[in-house]
C-alpha atoms as a PDB file:
ATOM      1  CA  MET A   1      -6.174 -32.177  -4.821  1.00  0.00           C
ATOM      2  CA  LEU A   2      -7.057 -29.832  -1.957  1.00  0.00           C
ATOM      3  CA  GLU A   3      -3.411 -28.973  -1.436  1.00  0.00           C
ATOM      4  CA  SER A   4      -2.970 -27.946  -5.078  1.00  0.00           C
ATOM      5  CA  ILE A   5      -6.103 -25.770  -4.891  1.00  0.00           C
ATOM      6  CA  LEU A   6      -4.783 -24.048  -1.761  1.00  0.00           C
ATOM      7  CA  GLN A   7      -1.409 -23.504  -3.426  1.00  0.00           C
ATOM      8  CA  GLY A   8      -3.133 -22.024  -6.462  1.00  0.00           C
ATOM      9  CA  ILE A   9      -5.121 -19.659  -4.248  1.00  0.00           C
ATOM     10  CA  GLY A  10      -1.907 -18.750  -2.449  1.00  0.00           C
ATOM     11  CA  TRP A  11      -0.043 -17.908  -5.649  1.00  0.00           C
ATOM     12  CA  VAL A  12      -2.974 -15.857  -6.962  1.00  0.00           C
ATOM     13  CA  LEU A  13      -3.120 -13.880  -3.698  1.00  0.00           C
ATOM     14  CA  ILE A  14       0.635 -13.284  -3.772  1.00  0.00           C
ATOM     15  CA  ALA A  15       0.454 -12.013  -7.355  1.00  0.00           C
ATOM     16  CA  LEU A  16      -2.522  -9.802  -6.505  1.00  0.00           C
ATOM     17  CA  GLY A  17      -0.719  -8.397  -3.461  1.00  0.00           C
ATOM     18  CA  LEU A  18       2.396  -7.610  -5.510  1.00  0.00           C
ATOM     19  CA  LEU A  19       0.290  -5.951  -8.200  1.00  0.00           C
ATOM     20  CA  THR A  20      -1.502  -3.868  -5.580  1.00  0.00           C
ATOM     21  CA  MET A  21       1.801  -2.709  -4.081  1.00  0.00           C
ATOM     22  CA  PHE A  22       3.101  -1.870  -7.558  1.00  0.00           C
ATOM     23  CA  VAL A  23       0.066   0.336  -8.210  1.00  0.00           C
ATOM     24  CA  GLY A  24       0.705   2.036  -4.858  1.00  0.00           C
ATOM     25  CA  SER A  25       4.287   2.763  -5.822  1.00  0.00           C
ATOM     26  CA  LEU A  26       3.056   4.387  -9.035  1.00  0.00           C
ATOM     27  CA  GLY A  27       0.850   6.577  -6.870  1.00  0.00           C
ATOM     28  CA  LEU A  28       3.944   7.774  -5.019  1.00  0.00           C
ATOM     29  CA  ILE A  29       5.416   8.932  -8.310  1.00  0.00           C
ATOM     30  CA  ARG A  30       2.301  10.392  -9.919  1.00  0.00           C
ATOM     31  CA  LEU A  31       0.517  12.237  -7.115  1.00  0.00           C
ATOM     32  CA  PRO A  32       1.292  15.914  -6.469  1.00  0.00           C
ATOM     33  CA  ASP A  33       1.859  16.420  -2.731  1.00  0.00           C
ATOM     34  CA  PHE A  34       2.828  14.653   0.484  1.00  0.00           C
ATOM     35  CA  TYR A  35      -0.711  14.029   1.690  1.00  0.00           C
ATOM     36  CA  THR A  36      -2.000  12.361  -1.453  1.00  0.00           C
ATOM     37  CA  ARG A  37       1.212  10.343  -1.743  1.00  0.00           C
ATOM     38  CA  SER A  38       0.986   9.185   1.848  1.00  0.00           C
ATOM     39  CA  HIS A  39      -2.652   8.231   1.304  1.00  0.00           C
ATOM     40  CA  ALA A  40      -1.708   6.139  -1.714  1.00  0.00           C
ATOM     41  CA  ALA A  41       1.145   4.509   0.144  1.00  0.00           C
ATOM     42  CA  SER A  42      -0.820   3.722   3.259  1.00  0.00           C
ATOM     43  CA  MET A  43      -4.034   2.434   1.730  1.00  0.00           C
ATOM     44  CA  VAL A  44      -2.708   0.499  -1.221  1.00  0.00           C
ATOM     45  CA  ASP A  45       0.452  -0.865   0.358  1.00  0.00           C
ATOM     46  CA  THR A  46      -1.348  -1.936   3.522  1.00  0.00           C
ATOM     47  CA  THR A  47      -3.874  -3.803   1.418  1.00  0.00           C
ATOM     48  CA  GLY A  48      -1.122  -5.299  -0.737  1.00  0.00           C
ATOM     49  CA  ILE A  49       0.887  -6.507   2.249  1.00  0.00           C
ATOM     50  CA  ILE A  50      -2.200  -8.078   3.829  1.00  0.00           C
ATOM     51  CA  ILE A  51      -3.119  -9.893   0.607  1.00  0.00           C
ATOM     52  CA  LEU A  52       0.467 -11.064   0.133  1.00  0.00           C
ATOM     53  CA  LEU A  53       0.747 -12.387   3.689  1.00  0.00           C
ATOM     54  CA  LEU A  54      -2.580 -14.193   3.361  1.00  0.00           C
ATOM     55  CA  GLY A  55      -1.291 -15.784   0.158  1.00  0.00           C
ATOM     56  CA  LEU A  56       1.746 -17.010   2.071  1.00  0.00           C
ATOM     57  CA  VAL A  57      -0.563 -18.449   4.734  1.00  0.00           C
ATOM     58  CA  PHE A  58      -2.344 -20.446   2.026  1.00  0.00           C
ATOM     59  CA  LEU A  59       0.991 -21.705   0.694  1.00  0.00           C
ATOM     60  CA  ILE A  60       2.381 -22.698   4.082  1.00  0.00           C
ATOM     61  CA  GLY A  61      -0.813 -24.205   5.431  1.00  0.00           C
ATOM     62  CA  PRO A  62      -1.812 -24.700   9.041  1.00  0.00           C
ATOM     63  CA  SER A  63       1.450 -24.514  10.972  1.00  0.00           C
ATOM     64  CA  GLN A  64       3.310 -22.352  13.433  1.00  0.00           C
ATOM     65  CA  ALA A  65       4.727 -20.280  10.573  1.00  0.00           C
ATOM     66  CA  GLY A  66       1.198 -19.710   9.242  1.00  0.00           C
ATOM     67  CA  LEU A  67       0.096 -18.503  12.660  1.00  0.00           C
ATOM     68  CA  LYS A  68       3.037 -16.092  12.757  1.00  0.00           C
ATOM     69  CA  LEU A  69       2.023 -14.732   9.366  1.00  0.00           C
ATOM     70  CA  LEU A  70      -1.538 -14.182  10.616  1.00  0.00           C
ATOM     71  CA  ILE A  71      -0.132 -12.318  13.618  1.00  0.00           C
ATOM     72  CA  GLY A  72       1.850 -10.246  11.122  1.00  0.00           C
ATOM     73  CA  VAL A  73      -1.382  -9.435   9.278  1.00  0.00           C
ATOM     74  CA  VAL A  74      -2.968  -8.190  12.512  1.00  0.00           C
ATOM     75  CA  PHE A  75       0.143  -6.121  13.254  1.00  0.00           C
ATOM     76  CA  VAL A  76       0.034  -4.521   9.789  1.00  0.00           C
ATOM     77  CA  ILE A  77      -3.677  -3.761  10.135  1.00  0.00           C
ATOM     78  CA  LEU A  78      -3.070  -2.025  13.463  1.00  0.00           C
ATOM     79  CA  SER A  79       0.250  -0.289  12.844  1.00  0.00           C
ATOM     80  CA  ASN A  80       0.214   1.050   9.275  1.00  0.00           C
ATOM     81  CA  PRO A  81      -2.781   3.408   9.638  1.00  0.00           C
ATOM     82  CA  VAL A  82      -1.442   4.717  12.950  1.00  0.00           C
ATOM     83  CA  ALA A  83       2.012   5.312  11.465  1.00  0.00           C
ATOM     84  CA  ILE A  84       0.747   7.192   8.422  1.00  0.00           C
ATOM     85  CA  HIS A  85      -1.551   9.288  10.598  1.00  0.00           C
ATOM     86  CA  ALA A  86       1.412  10.242  12.780  1.00  0.00           C
ATOM     87  CA  LEU A  87       3.438  11.202   9.697  1.00  0.00           C
ATOM     88  CA  ALA A  88       0.621  13.297   8.244  1.00  0.00           C
ATOM     89  CA  ARG A  89      -0.001  15.023  11.558  1.00  0.00           C
ATOM     90  CA  ALA A  90       3.699  15.818  11.997  1.00  0.00           C
ATOM     91  CA  ALA A  91       3.850  17.201   8.455  1.00  0.00           C
ATOM     92  CA  PHE A  92       0.813  19.397   9.073  1.00  0.00           C
ATOM     93  CA  ARG A  93       2.196  20.686  12.371  1.00  0.00           C
ATOM     94  CA  SER A  94       5.539  21.485  10.761  1.00  0.00           C
ATOM     95  CA  GLY A  95       3.810  23.748   8.250  1.00  0.00           C
ATOM     96  CA  GLN A  96       3.375  21.437   5.278  1.00  0.00           C
ATOM     97  CA  ARG A  97      -0.008  22.328   3.820  1.00  0.00           C
ATOM     98  CA  PRO A  98      -1.903  20.211   1.299  1.00  0.00           C
ATOM     99  CA  LEU A  99      -2.204  21.442  -2.255  1.00  0.00           C
ATOM    100  CA  LEU A 100      -5.816  22.375  -2.846  1.00  0.00           C
ATOM    101  CA  GLY A 101      -7.754  23.271  -5.940  1.00  0.00           C
ATOM    102  CA  GLU A 102      -5.819  25.047  -8.676  1.00  0.00           C
ATOM    103  CA  ALA A 103      -2.413  24.640  -7.020  1.00  0.00           C
ATOM    104  CA  ALA A 104      -2.659  20.859  -7.067  1.00  0.00           C
ATOM    105  CA  GLU A 105      -4.066  20.846 -10.573  1.00  0.00           C
ATOM    106  CA  SER A 106      -1.368  23.148 -11.974  1.00  0.00           C
ATOM    107  CA  LYS A 107       1.412  21.111 -10.346  1.00  0.00           C
ATOM    108  CA  TYR A 108      -0.045  17.924 -11.795  1.00  0.00           C
ATOM    109  CA  HIS A 109      -0.341  19.388 -15.311  1.00  0.00           C
ATOM    110  CA  LYS A 110       3.154  20.882 -15.102  1.00  0.00           C
ATOM    111  CA  ARG A 111       4.593  17.471 -14.259  1.00  0.00           C
ATOM    112  CA  ARG A 112       2.628  15.841 -17.092  1.00  0.00           C
ATOM    113  CA  SER A 113       3.897  18.364 -19.647  1.00  0.00           C
ATOM    114  CA  GLU A 114       7.501  17.822 -18.505  1.00  0.00           C
ATOM    115  CA  GLU A 115       7.105  14.056 -18.900  1.00  0.00           C
ATOM    116  CA  GLU A 116       5.776  14.401 -22.435  1.00  0.00           C
ATOM    117  CA  LYS A 117       8.864  16.323 -23.597  1.00  0.00           C
END
């Protein structure tokens, strides 16, 4: 009984993690510039990976593999924000400026009008 409940929780977490990562990938397509895209990728995909790995921990149960997955969760929590910060900082230093105000809005509306055609 308890094992089937834990497996159910695991499958729900895996599905939720995959859905979260799918939404993040849509953000990569829909958002106008590098900075907003990197924000979507880092926040949503980090959350999705963590949820997915925790779902796998529930499926596997208390074992050495489960411990390795938990170590993977800690690694993702520590490394993904640092990596995206390094990318954003390198982009800013290389001259890539964020789209602000009307520039971002006009680029977004231009893309939307092209998609509707």
